N, C-alpha and C. Protein backbone atom coordinates (compact mmCIF):
# COMPACT_ATOMS: atom_id res chain seq x y z
N MET A 1 -36.55 -11.57 -25.52
CA MET A 1 -36.04 -12.91 -25.69
C MET A 1 -36.29 -13.68 -24.40
N PHE A 2 -36.81 -14.87 -24.51
CA PHE A 2 -37.13 -15.70 -23.37
C PHE A 2 -36.10 -16.81 -23.23
N LYS A 3 -35.84 -17.21 -22.02
CA LYS A 3 -34.93 -18.32 -21.75
C LYS A 3 -35.75 -19.50 -21.29
N LYS A 4 -35.40 -20.67 -21.80
CA LYS A 4 -36.12 -21.90 -21.47
C LYS A 4 -35.48 -22.53 -20.24
N SER A 5 -36.27 -22.84 -19.25
CA SER A 5 -35.80 -23.50 -18.04
C SER A 5 -36.54 -24.81 -17.89
N THR A 6 -35.80 -25.91 -17.74
CA THR A 6 -36.44 -27.22 -17.61
C THR A 6 -36.17 -27.81 -16.24
N LYS A 7 -37.21 -28.29 -15.64
CA LYS A 7 -37.10 -29.01 -14.36
C LYS A 7 -37.95 -30.26 -14.51
N GLY A 8 -37.27 -31.39 -14.63
CA GLY A 8 -38.02 -32.63 -14.82
C GLY A 8 -38.77 -32.59 -16.12
N ASP A 9 -40.09 -32.86 -16.10
CA ASP A 9 -40.92 -32.85 -17.29
C ASP A 9 -41.52 -31.47 -17.54
N HIS A 10 -41.20 -30.54 -16.69
CA HIS A 10 -41.88 -29.26 -16.69
C HIS A 10 -40.97 -28.20 -17.32
N VAL A 11 -41.45 -27.40 -18.25
CA VAL A 11 -40.68 -26.36 -18.94
C VAL A 11 -41.26 -25.01 -18.57
N THR A 12 -40.37 -24.07 -18.17
CA THR A 12 -40.81 -22.72 -17.82
C THR A 12 -40.04 -21.74 -18.68
N LEU A 13 -40.73 -20.75 -19.20
CA LEU A 13 -40.05 -19.69 -19.94
C LEU A 13 -39.91 -18.48 -19.03
N LEU A 14 -38.66 -18.02 -18.89
CA LEU A 14 -38.40 -16.85 -18.04
C LEU A 14 -38.13 -15.65 -18.92
N CYS A 15 -38.85 -14.58 -18.73
CA CYS A 15 -38.58 -13.36 -19.48
C CYS A 15 -37.35 -12.69 -18.86
N PRO A 16 -36.62 -11.88 -19.63
CA PRO A 16 -35.40 -11.25 -19.11
C PRO A 16 -35.63 -10.44 -17.83
N ALA A 17 -36.73 -9.72 -17.72
CA ALA A 17 -36.99 -8.91 -16.53
C ALA A 17 -37.14 -9.81 -15.30
N ARG A 18 -37.85 -10.91 -15.46
CA ARG A 18 -38.05 -11.82 -14.33
C ARG A 18 -36.72 -12.47 -13.93
N ARG A 19 -35.94 -12.86 -14.93
CA ARG A 19 -34.64 -13.47 -14.66
C ARG A 19 -33.75 -12.49 -13.88
N GLN A 20 -33.73 -11.22 -14.29
CA GLN A 20 -32.94 -10.20 -13.60
C GLN A 20 -33.42 -10.02 -12.16
N LEU A 21 -34.75 -10.02 -11.97
CA LEU A 21 -35.32 -9.87 -10.64
C LEU A 21 -34.88 -11.03 -9.75
N LEU A 22 -34.96 -12.24 -10.26
CA LEU A 22 -34.58 -13.41 -9.48
C LEU A 22 -33.08 -13.39 -9.15
N LEU A 23 -32.26 -12.99 -10.12
CA LEU A 23 -30.83 -12.88 -9.86
C LEU A 23 -30.56 -11.83 -8.78
N GLY A 24 -31.23 -10.71 -8.88
CA GLY A 24 -31.06 -9.64 -7.89
C GLY A 24 -31.46 -10.08 -6.49
N LEU A 25 -32.60 -10.76 -6.40
CA LEU A 25 -33.06 -11.24 -5.09
C LEU A 25 -32.09 -12.27 -4.51
N SER A 26 -31.54 -13.13 -5.35
CA SER A 26 -30.58 -14.11 -4.83
C SER A 26 -29.32 -13.42 -4.35
N GLY A 27 -28.91 -12.34 -5.03
CA GLY A 27 -27.75 -11.57 -4.58
C GLY A 27 -27.99 -10.92 -3.24
N VAL A 28 -29.19 -10.37 -3.05
CA VAL A 28 -29.55 -9.75 -1.76
C VAL A 28 -29.53 -10.81 -0.66
N ALA A 29 -30.08 -11.98 -0.96
CA ALA A 29 -30.09 -13.06 0.04
C ALA A 29 -28.67 -13.47 0.40
N LEU A 30 -27.79 -13.55 -0.59
CA LEU A 30 -26.41 -13.93 -0.34
C LEU A 30 -25.71 -12.88 0.51
N CYS A 31 -25.92 -11.61 0.20
CA CYS A 31 -25.29 -10.53 0.97
C CYS A 31 -25.74 -10.53 2.42
N SER A 32 -26.97 -10.96 2.66
CA SER A 32 -27.45 -10.97 4.05
C SER A 32 -26.72 -12.02 4.88
N LEU A 33 -26.09 -12.97 4.22
CA LEU A 33 -25.34 -14.01 4.94
C LEU A 33 -23.91 -13.56 5.28
N ILE A 34 -23.41 -12.54 4.56
CA ILE A 34 -22.05 -12.06 4.80
C ILE A 34 -22.06 -11.09 5.97
N PRO A 35 -21.13 -11.26 6.93
CA PRO A 35 -21.09 -10.33 8.07
C PRO A 35 -20.88 -8.90 7.59
N SER A 36 -21.51 -7.96 8.27
CA SER A 36 -21.42 -6.56 7.85
C SER A 36 -19.99 -6.05 7.88
N LYS A 37 -19.15 -6.58 8.76
CA LYS A 37 -17.75 -6.17 8.83
C LYS A 37 -17.03 -6.52 7.52
N ALA A 38 -17.34 -7.69 6.96
CA ALA A 38 -16.73 -8.11 5.70
C ALA A 38 -17.18 -7.21 4.56
N LEU A 39 -18.45 -6.81 4.55
CA LEU A 39 -18.94 -5.90 3.52
C LEU A 39 -18.26 -4.55 3.63
N ALA A 40 -18.07 -4.06 4.83
CA ALA A 40 -17.43 -2.76 5.03
C ALA A 40 -16.00 -2.77 4.51
N SER A 41 -15.30 -3.90 4.66
CA SER A 41 -13.91 -3.95 4.22
C SER A 41 -13.79 -3.90 2.71
N ARG A 42 -14.88 -4.22 1.99
CA ARG A 42 -14.85 -4.17 0.54
C ARG A 42 -15.22 -2.79 0.01
N SER A 43 -15.62 -1.92 0.87
CA SER A 43 -16.05 -0.59 0.47
C SER A 43 -14.89 0.19 -0.13
N THR A 44 -15.18 0.98 -1.17
CA THR A 44 -14.15 1.82 -1.78
C THR A 44 -14.21 3.23 -1.20
N LYS A 45 -15.08 3.45 -0.25
CA LYS A 45 -15.21 4.78 0.36
C LYS A 45 -14.23 4.90 1.52
N GLY A 46 -13.85 6.12 1.83
CA GLY A 46 -12.99 6.35 2.97
C GLY A 46 -11.81 7.23 2.62
N VAL A 47 -10.94 7.36 3.60
CA VAL A 47 -9.76 8.23 3.45
C VAL A 47 -8.54 7.47 3.94
N ARG A 48 -7.47 7.57 3.19
CA ARG A 48 -6.18 7.03 3.62
C ARG A 48 -5.22 8.21 3.72
N GLU A 49 -4.70 8.38 4.92
CA GLU A 49 -3.86 9.54 5.20
C GLU A 49 -2.52 9.07 5.75
N LEU A 50 -1.46 9.79 5.37
CA LEU A 50 -0.13 9.51 5.90
C LEU A 50 0.53 10.80 6.34
N SER A 51 1.40 10.66 7.31
CA SER A 51 2.20 11.77 7.79
C SER A 51 3.66 11.33 7.71
N LEU A 52 4.45 12.04 6.91
CA LEU A 52 5.83 11.65 6.65
C LEU A 52 6.80 12.75 7.09
N TYR A 53 7.98 12.32 7.54
CA TYR A 53 9.05 13.24 7.92
C TYR A 53 10.35 12.73 7.32
N ASN A 54 11.02 13.57 6.55
CA ASN A 54 12.30 13.21 5.94
C ASN A 54 13.42 13.63 6.88
N ARG A 55 14.12 12.66 7.45
CA ARG A 55 15.18 12.95 8.43
C ARG A 55 16.36 13.72 7.84
N HIS A 56 16.59 13.59 6.55
CA HIS A 56 17.73 14.28 5.93
C HIS A 56 17.44 15.73 5.59
N THR A 57 16.21 16.04 5.19
CA THR A 57 15.89 17.40 4.77
C THR A 57 15.11 18.17 5.85
N GLY A 58 14.57 17.45 6.84
CA GLY A 58 13.78 18.10 7.88
C GLY A 58 12.36 18.45 7.43
N GLU A 59 11.96 17.98 6.27
CA GLU A 59 10.63 18.31 5.73
C GLU A 59 9.58 17.35 6.28
N HIS A 60 8.39 17.92 6.52
CA HIS A 60 7.21 17.16 6.96
C HIS A 60 6.15 17.28 5.88
N ASN A 61 5.36 16.24 5.73
CA ASN A 61 4.21 16.32 4.84
C ASN A 61 3.12 15.39 5.37
N ASN A 62 1.93 15.93 5.44
CA ASN A 62 0.78 15.18 5.93
C ASN A 62 -0.31 15.35 4.89
N GLY A 63 -0.89 14.23 4.44
CA GLY A 63 -1.94 14.38 3.44
C GLY A 63 -2.78 13.15 3.26
N SER A 64 -3.98 13.38 2.75
CA SER A 64 -4.90 12.29 2.41
C SER A 64 -4.63 11.94 0.96
N TYR A 65 -3.92 10.84 0.75
CA TYR A 65 -3.49 10.48 -0.60
C TYR A 65 -4.54 9.66 -1.36
N TRP A 66 -5.58 9.19 -0.65
CA TRP A 66 -6.63 8.36 -1.25
C TRP A 66 -7.95 8.76 -0.59
N ILE A 67 -8.91 9.18 -1.40
CA ILE A 67 -10.21 9.59 -0.87
C ILE A 67 -11.31 8.96 -1.71
N ASP A 68 -12.21 8.25 -1.04
CA ASP A 68 -13.37 7.62 -1.68
C ASP A 68 -13.00 6.84 -2.94
N GLY A 69 -11.94 6.04 -2.84
CA GLY A 69 -11.56 5.16 -3.94
C GLY A 69 -10.69 5.79 -5.00
N HIS A 70 -10.24 7.03 -4.78
CA HIS A 70 -9.43 7.71 -5.79
C HIS A 70 -8.14 8.24 -5.18
N TYR A 71 -7.03 7.95 -5.87
CA TYR A 71 -5.75 8.50 -5.46
C TYR A 71 -5.74 9.99 -5.76
N GLN A 72 -5.12 10.75 -4.88
CA GLN A 72 -5.05 12.20 -5.00
C GLN A 72 -3.68 12.57 -5.57
N SER A 73 -3.64 12.91 -6.86
CA SER A 73 -2.37 13.12 -7.55
C SER A 73 -1.53 14.24 -6.95
N GLU A 74 -2.15 15.30 -6.48
CA GLU A 74 -1.39 16.41 -5.90
C GLU A 74 -0.67 15.97 -4.63
N VAL A 75 -1.34 15.22 -3.78
CA VAL A 75 -0.74 14.71 -2.54
C VAL A 75 0.37 13.71 -2.87
N LEU A 76 0.12 12.83 -3.85
CA LEU A 76 1.15 11.86 -4.25
C LEU A 76 2.39 12.58 -4.80
N ASN A 77 2.18 13.64 -5.55
CA ASN A 77 3.31 14.43 -6.06
C ASN A 77 4.09 15.08 -4.91
N ASP A 78 3.37 15.60 -3.92
CA ASP A 78 4.03 16.19 -2.74
C ASP A 78 4.83 15.14 -1.98
N PHE A 79 4.25 13.94 -1.82
CA PHE A 79 4.97 12.86 -1.14
C PHE A 79 6.23 12.47 -1.93
N SER A 80 6.11 12.39 -3.26
CA SER A 80 7.28 12.04 -4.09
C SER A 80 8.37 13.08 -3.96
N GLN A 81 7.99 14.34 -3.84
CA GLN A 81 8.98 15.41 -3.66
C GLN A 81 9.69 15.25 -2.31
N LEU A 82 8.95 14.94 -1.26
CA LEU A 82 9.55 14.74 0.06
C LEU A 82 10.49 13.52 0.05
N LEU A 83 10.14 12.51 -0.75
CA LEU A 83 10.92 11.27 -0.80
C LEU A 83 12.04 11.30 -1.84
N ARG A 84 12.32 12.47 -2.37
CA ARG A 84 13.33 12.60 -3.42
C ARG A 84 14.72 12.19 -2.93
N ASP A 85 15.60 11.96 -3.89
CA ASP A 85 17.01 11.71 -3.59
C ASP A 85 17.61 13.04 -3.15
N HIS A 86 17.83 13.21 -1.86
CA HIS A 86 18.29 14.50 -1.33
C HIS A 86 19.74 14.79 -1.73
N ARG A 87 20.52 13.75 -2.06
CA ARG A 87 21.91 13.97 -2.46
C ARG A 87 22.01 14.62 -3.83
N GLN A 88 21.11 14.23 -4.74
CA GLN A 88 21.10 14.76 -6.11
C GLN A 88 19.96 15.77 -6.32
N ASN A 89 19.09 15.91 -5.32
CA ASN A 89 17.89 16.75 -5.40
C ASN A 89 17.04 16.38 -6.63
N VAL A 90 16.81 15.07 -6.76
CA VAL A 90 16.04 14.53 -7.89
C VAL A 90 14.85 13.76 -7.33
N ALA A 91 13.66 14.10 -7.83
CA ALA A 91 12.44 13.39 -7.42
C ALA A 91 11.97 12.49 -8.55
N ALA A 92 11.26 11.45 -8.19
CA ALA A 92 10.64 10.55 -9.17
C ALA A 92 9.31 10.10 -8.59
N PRO A 93 8.35 9.76 -9.45
CA PRO A 93 7.05 9.29 -8.93
C PRO A 93 7.25 8.00 -8.13
N MET A 94 6.69 7.99 -6.93
CA MET A 94 6.76 6.81 -6.08
C MET A 94 5.56 5.91 -6.39
N ASP A 95 5.76 4.62 -6.29
CA ASP A 95 4.72 3.64 -6.55
C ASP A 95 3.60 3.80 -5.51
N LYS A 96 2.35 3.89 -5.99
CA LYS A 96 1.20 4.06 -5.10
C LYS A 96 1.07 2.91 -4.09
N ARG A 97 1.47 1.72 -4.52
CA ARG A 97 1.37 0.56 -3.63
C ARG A 97 2.22 0.73 -2.38
N LEU A 98 3.28 1.51 -2.49
CA LEU A 98 4.15 1.76 -1.35
C LEU A 98 3.39 2.55 -0.27
N PHE A 99 2.59 3.51 -0.69
CA PHE A 99 1.80 4.29 0.26
C PHE A 99 0.71 3.43 0.89
N ASP A 100 0.12 2.55 0.08
CA ASP A 100 -0.87 1.63 0.63
C ASP A 100 -0.23 0.69 1.65
N LEU A 101 0.99 0.25 1.37
CA LEU A 101 1.73 -0.59 2.32
C LEU A 101 1.95 0.15 3.63
N LEU A 102 2.38 1.41 3.54
CA LEU A 102 2.61 2.22 4.75
C LEU A 102 1.31 2.42 5.53
N PHE A 103 0.22 2.66 4.80
CA PHE A 103 -1.07 2.85 5.46
C PHE A 103 -1.48 1.57 6.20
N SER A 104 -1.32 0.42 5.54
CA SER A 104 -1.63 -0.87 6.18
C SER A 104 -0.74 -1.12 7.39
N LEU A 105 0.50 -0.72 7.27
CA LEU A 105 1.45 -0.89 8.37
C LEU A 105 1.03 -0.06 9.58
N LYS A 106 0.65 1.19 9.35
CA LYS A 106 0.16 2.04 10.44
C LYS A 106 -1.09 1.45 11.09
N SER A 107 -1.99 0.93 10.26
CA SER A 107 -3.22 0.33 10.78
C SER A 107 -2.91 -0.91 11.62
N THR A 108 -1.99 -1.73 11.13
CA THR A 108 -1.60 -2.95 11.85
C THR A 108 -0.99 -2.60 13.20
N LEU A 109 -0.18 -1.54 13.23
CA LEU A 109 0.48 -1.12 14.46
C LEU A 109 -0.43 -0.25 15.34
N ASN A 110 -1.58 0.14 14.80
CA ASN A 110 -2.52 1.00 15.51
C ASN A 110 -1.84 2.28 16.01
N THR A 111 -1.15 2.95 15.08
CA THR A 111 -0.46 4.18 15.43
C THR A 111 -0.80 5.28 14.44
N ASP A 112 -0.83 6.50 14.93
CA ASP A 112 -0.98 7.67 14.07
C ASP A 112 0.32 8.47 14.03
N ASN A 113 1.39 7.90 14.59
CA ASN A 113 2.67 8.60 14.62
C ASN A 113 3.20 8.82 13.20
N GLU A 114 3.94 9.89 13.06
CA GLU A 114 4.56 10.25 11.80
C GLU A 114 5.60 9.18 11.41
N ILE A 115 5.65 8.86 10.13
CA ILE A 115 6.64 7.91 9.64
C ILE A 115 7.90 8.68 9.28
N HIS A 116 9.02 8.27 9.90
CA HIS A 116 10.30 8.90 9.59
C HIS A 116 10.94 8.18 8.42
N VAL A 117 11.33 8.95 7.42
CA VAL A 117 11.92 8.40 6.20
C VAL A 117 13.43 8.61 6.25
N ILE A 118 14.16 7.50 6.12
CA ILE A 118 15.61 7.57 6.06
C ILE A 118 16.04 7.60 4.60
N SER A 119 15.32 6.85 3.76
CA SER A 119 15.61 6.84 2.33
C SER A 119 14.34 6.51 1.56
N GLY A 120 14.11 7.25 0.50
CA GLY A 120 12.99 6.99 -0.40
C GLY A 120 13.55 6.70 -1.78
N TYR A 121 13.30 7.60 -2.72
CA TYR A 121 13.83 7.43 -4.06
C TYR A 121 15.35 7.62 -4.05
N ARG A 122 16.04 6.81 -4.85
CA ARG A 122 17.49 6.98 -5.06
C ARG A 122 17.76 7.01 -6.55
N SER A 123 18.51 8.01 -6.97
CA SER A 123 18.93 8.05 -8.37
C SER A 123 19.97 6.94 -8.58
N PRO A 124 20.14 6.51 -9.82
CA PRO A 124 21.17 5.49 -10.08
C PRO A 124 22.56 5.93 -9.60
N LYS A 125 22.87 7.21 -9.73
CA LYS A 125 24.19 7.72 -9.30
C LYS A 125 24.35 7.56 -7.78
N THR A 126 23.34 7.96 -7.02
CA THR A 126 23.39 7.82 -5.56
C THR A 126 23.44 6.35 -5.16
N ASN A 127 22.63 5.53 -5.82
CA ASN A 127 22.61 4.12 -5.46
C ASN A 127 23.97 3.46 -5.72
N ALA A 128 24.61 3.80 -6.83
CA ALA A 128 25.93 3.25 -7.15
C ALA A 128 26.96 3.69 -6.11
N MET A 129 26.89 4.95 -5.69
CA MET A 129 27.81 5.47 -4.68
C MET A 129 27.61 4.73 -3.35
N LEU A 130 26.35 4.55 -2.94
CA LEU A 130 26.08 3.84 -1.69
C LEU A 130 26.47 2.36 -1.78
N ALA A 131 26.23 1.73 -2.92
CA ALA A 131 26.59 0.32 -3.10
C ALA A 131 28.10 0.12 -3.05
N SER A 132 28.86 1.12 -3.53
CA SER A 132 30.32 1.00 -3.50
C SER A 132 30.87 1.11 -2.08
N LYS A 133 30.12 1.71 -1.18
CA LYS A 133 30.56 1.89 0.21
C LYS A 133 30.03 0.82 1.15
N SER A 134 28.96 0.10 0.73
CA SER A 134 28.33 -0.86 1.62
C SER A 134 27.84 -2.07 0.84
N GLY A 135 28.06 -3.24 1.39
CA GLY A 135 27.55 -4.46 0.79
C GLY A 135 26.05 -4.62 1.01
N GLY A 136 25.45 -3.79 1.83
CA GLY A 136 24.02 -3.89 2.15
C GLY A 136 23.13 -3.15 1.18
N VAL A 137 23.71 -2.54 0.13
CA VAL A 137 22.91 -1.78 -0.85
C VAL A 137 22.86 -2.58 -2.15
N ALA A 138 21.68 -2.93 -2.59
CA ALA A 138 21.52 -3.70 -3.83
C ALA A 138 21.83 -2.83 -5.04
N LYS A 139 22.54 -3.41 -6.00
CA LYS A 139 22.89 -2.66 -7.21
C LYS A 139 21.66 -2.34 -8.06
N LYS A 140 20.63 -3.19 -7.98
CA LYS A 140 19.38 -2.94 -8.71
C LYS A 140 18.26 -2.69 -7.70
N SER A 141 18.51 -1.79 -6.78
CA SER A 141 17.61 -1.50 -5.67
C SER A 141 16.24 -1.02 -6.13
N TYR A 142 15.20 -1.46 -5.39
CA TYR A 142 13.85 -0.96 -5.65
C TYR A 142 13.73 0.53 -5.33
N HIS A 143 14.68 1.09 -4.58
CA HIS A 143 14.67 2.53 -4.33
C HIS A 143 14.77 3.30 -5.65
N MET A 144 15.52 2.76 -6.61
CA MET A 144 15.69 3.45 -7.90
C MET A 144 14.42 3.42 -8.75
N GLN A 145 13.49 2.56 -8.42
CA GLN A 145 12.22 2.47 -9.15
C GLN A 145 11.09 3.16 -8.38
N GLY A 146 11.40 3.80 -7.27
CA GLY A 146 10.36 4.46 -6.47
C GLY A 146 9.45 3.45 -5.79
N MET A 147 9.99 2.28 -5.49
CA MET A 147 9.19 1.21 -4.91
C MET A 147 9.64 0.83 -3.50
N ALA A 148 10.54 1.61 -2.89
CA ALA A 148 11.08 1.23 -1.57
C ALA A 148 11.30 2.45 -0.69
N MET A 149 11.22 2.19 0.61
CA MET A 149 11.54 3.21 1.61
C MET A 149 12.22 2.53 2.78
N ASP A 150 13.14 3.27 3.40
CA ASP A 150 13.72 2.85 4.68
C ASP A 150 13.08 3.76 5.71
N ILE A 151 12.46 3.14 6.74
CA ILE A 151 11.63 3.92 7.66
C ILE A 151 11.86 3.54 9.12
N ALA A 152 11.41 4.42 9.98
CA ALA A 152 11.29 4.17 11.42
C ALA A 152 10.05 4.95 11.86
N ILE A 153 9.45 4.50 12.96
CA ILE A 153 8.29 5.21 13.50
C ILE A 153 8.57 5.45 14.98
N PRO A 154 8.72 6.72 15.39
CA PRO A 154 8.97 7.01 16.80
C PRO A 154 7.87 6.38 17.68
N GLY A 155 8.31 5.78 18.78
CA GLY A 155 7.37 5.15 19.70
C GLY A 155 7.08 3.69 19.34
N VAL A 156 7.60 3.24 18.19
CA VAL A 156 7.39 1.85 17.78
C VAL A 156 8.75 1.17 17.74
N ASN A 157 8.89 0.10 18.53
CA ASN A 157 10.12 -0.66 18.56
C ASN A 157 10.43 -1.17 17.15
N LEU A 158 11.70 -1.11 16.76
CA LEU A 158 12.10 -1.50 15.41
C LEU A 158 11.75 -2.97 15.09
N LYS A 159 11.92 -3.84 16.05
CA LYS A 159 11.57 -5.26 15.84
C LYS A 159 10.06 -5.40 15.64
N THR A 160 9.28 -4.64 16.39
CA THR A 160 7.82 -4.66 16.24
C THR A 160 7.43 -4.15 14.85
N LEU A 161 8.10 -3.10 14.39
CA LEU A 161 7.86 -2.56 13.06
C LEU A 161 8.16 -3.61 11.99
N ARG A 162 9.31 -4.29 12.14
CA ARG A 162 9.68 -5.34 11.19
C ARG A 162 8.64 -6.46 11.18
N ASP A 163 8.26 -6.93 12.37
CA ASP A 163 7.29 -8.03 12.47
C ASP A 163 5.95 -7.66 11.85
N ALA A 164 5.52 -6.43 12.05
CA ALA A 164 4.26 -5.97 11.45
C ALA A 164 4.36 -5.94 9.93
N ALA A 165 5.49 -5.45 9.41
CA ALA A 165 5.69 -5.41 7.96
C ALA A 165 5.71 -6.82 7.38
N LEU A 166 6.36 -7.75 8.07
CA LEU A 166 6.40 -9.14 7.62
C LEU A 166 5.00 -9.75 7.58
N SER A 167 4.19 -9.44 8.59
CA SER A 167 2.85 -10.01 8.69
C SER A 167 1.95 -9.59 7.53
N LEU A 168 2.21 -8.44 6.93
CA LEU A 168 1.38 -7.95 5.83
C LEU A 168 1.59 -8.74 4.54
N LYS A 169 2.80 -9.25 4.35
CA LYS A 169 3.14 -10.00 3.12
C LYS A 169 2.81 -9.20 1.87
N LEU A 170 3.22 -7.92 1.89
CA LEU A 170 2.94 -7.04 0.75
C LEU A 170 4.19 -6.71 -0.06
N GLY A 171 5.34 -7.25 0.34
CA GLY A 171 6.57 -6.96 -0.38
C GLY A 171 7.79 -7.33 0.45
N GLY A 172 8.91 -6.75 0.09
CA GLY A 172 10.16 -7.05 0.77
C GLY A 172 10.29 -6.30 2.08
N VAL A 173 10.95 -6.96 3.05
CA VAL A 173 11.20 -6.35 4.36
C VAL A 173 12.64 -6.64 4.76
N GLY A 174 13.39 -5.57 4.99
CA GLY A 174 14.77 -5.71 5.46
C GLY A 174 14.88 -5.11 6.85
N TYR A 175 15.63 -5.77 7.71
CA TYR A 175 15.77 -5.35 9.12
C TYR A 175 17.19 -4.87 9.36
N TYR A 176 17.34 -3.60 9.73
CA TYR A 176 18.65 -3.00 9.95
C TYR A 176 18.70 -2.35 11.34
N PRO A 177 18.74 -3.17 12.39
CA PRO A 177 18.68 -2.62 13.75
C PRO A 177 19.87 -1.72 14.09
N LYS A 178 21.06 -2.01 13.58
CA LYS A 178 22.23 -1.17 13.87
C LYS A 178 22.11 0.20 13.23
N SER A 179 21.44 0.26 12.10
CA SER A 179 21.26 1.53 11.40
C SER A 179 19.96 2.22 11.81
N GLY A 180 19.09 1.51 12.53
CA GLY A 180 17.87 2.13 13.07
C GLY A 180 16.72 2.26 12.11
N PHE A 181 16.61 1.34 11.14
CA PHE A 181 15.47 1.42 10.23
C PHE A 181 15.06 0.05 9.72
N VAL A 182 13.85 0.03 9.13
CA VAL A 182 13.32 -1.14 8.45
C VAL A 182 13.10 -0.74 6.99
N HIS A 183 13.56 -1.59 6.09
CA HIS A 183 13.34 -1.38 4.66
C HIS A 183 12.01 -2.04 4.30
N VAL A 184 11.16 -1.34 3.56
CA VAL A 184 9.94 -1.93 3.01
C VAL A 184 9.87 -1.59 1.53
N ASP A 185 9.42 -2.55 0.75
CA ASP A 185 9.23 -2.28 -0.67
C ASP A 185 8.02 -3.04 -1.19
N CYS A 186 7.56 -2.66 -2.37
CA CYS A 186 6.38 -3.32 -2.95
C CYS A 186 6.80 -4.26 -4.07
N GLY A 187 7.98 -4.86 -3.92
CA GLY A 187 8.42 -5.92 -4.84
C GLY A 187 7.90 -7.26 -4.34
N PRO A 188 8.55 -8.35 -4.77
CA PRO A 188 8.12 -9.69 -4.32
C PRO A 188 8.25 -9.84 -2.81
N VAL A 189 7.44 -10.70 -2.22
CA VAL A 189 7.48 -10.96 -0.77
C VAL A 189 8.76 -11.72 -0.46
N ARG A 190 9.60 -11.14 0.40
CA ARG A 190 10.86 -11.75 0.83
C ARG A 190 11.33 -10.98 2.04
N HIS A 191 12.35 -11.48 2.74
CA HIS A 191 12.88 -10.76 3.90
C HIS A 191 14.34 -11.10 4.12
N TRP A 192 15.01 -10.21 4.80
CA TRP A 192 16.43 -10.39 5.16
C TRP A 192 16.72 -9.63 6.43
């Protein structure tokens, strides 16, 4: 099938193969104008690794949760187990976006230090108990959906950690300097 191309009084018929070739060449020309750094950032290749420490259970876990564009289900399951509700000993799948947020946070801070977890998943029972004792615990907390963590990173000032999380604009950020942690979640962008 040929496509008719008109320019002024002149009509040209383009065969599909020629049209594809011209489109391909224009794409190559366009890519040559984009800085190589921008092209690299669009790459799906690479490794995303996190190192987590649960302050309540004393457990450590280090793993590559994303390799060459694919999430690693076994590592994600191990992370979810580490982030379980330690009061009820109940685990739930954590939202993958939360790990991507943590990875971006580490990159922004330029640190390879282990992330200390104060709270990950919370069962409804634990969340209700904590909410009854403190006005700072949301009754419909993102912790119950596996979408939030309360964290600290040794060697990183808490205010610096909060500011870095805010700069990402990837979700909610709560600042709790008296309690020694920053809340991050992958819900709507907001802060307190």
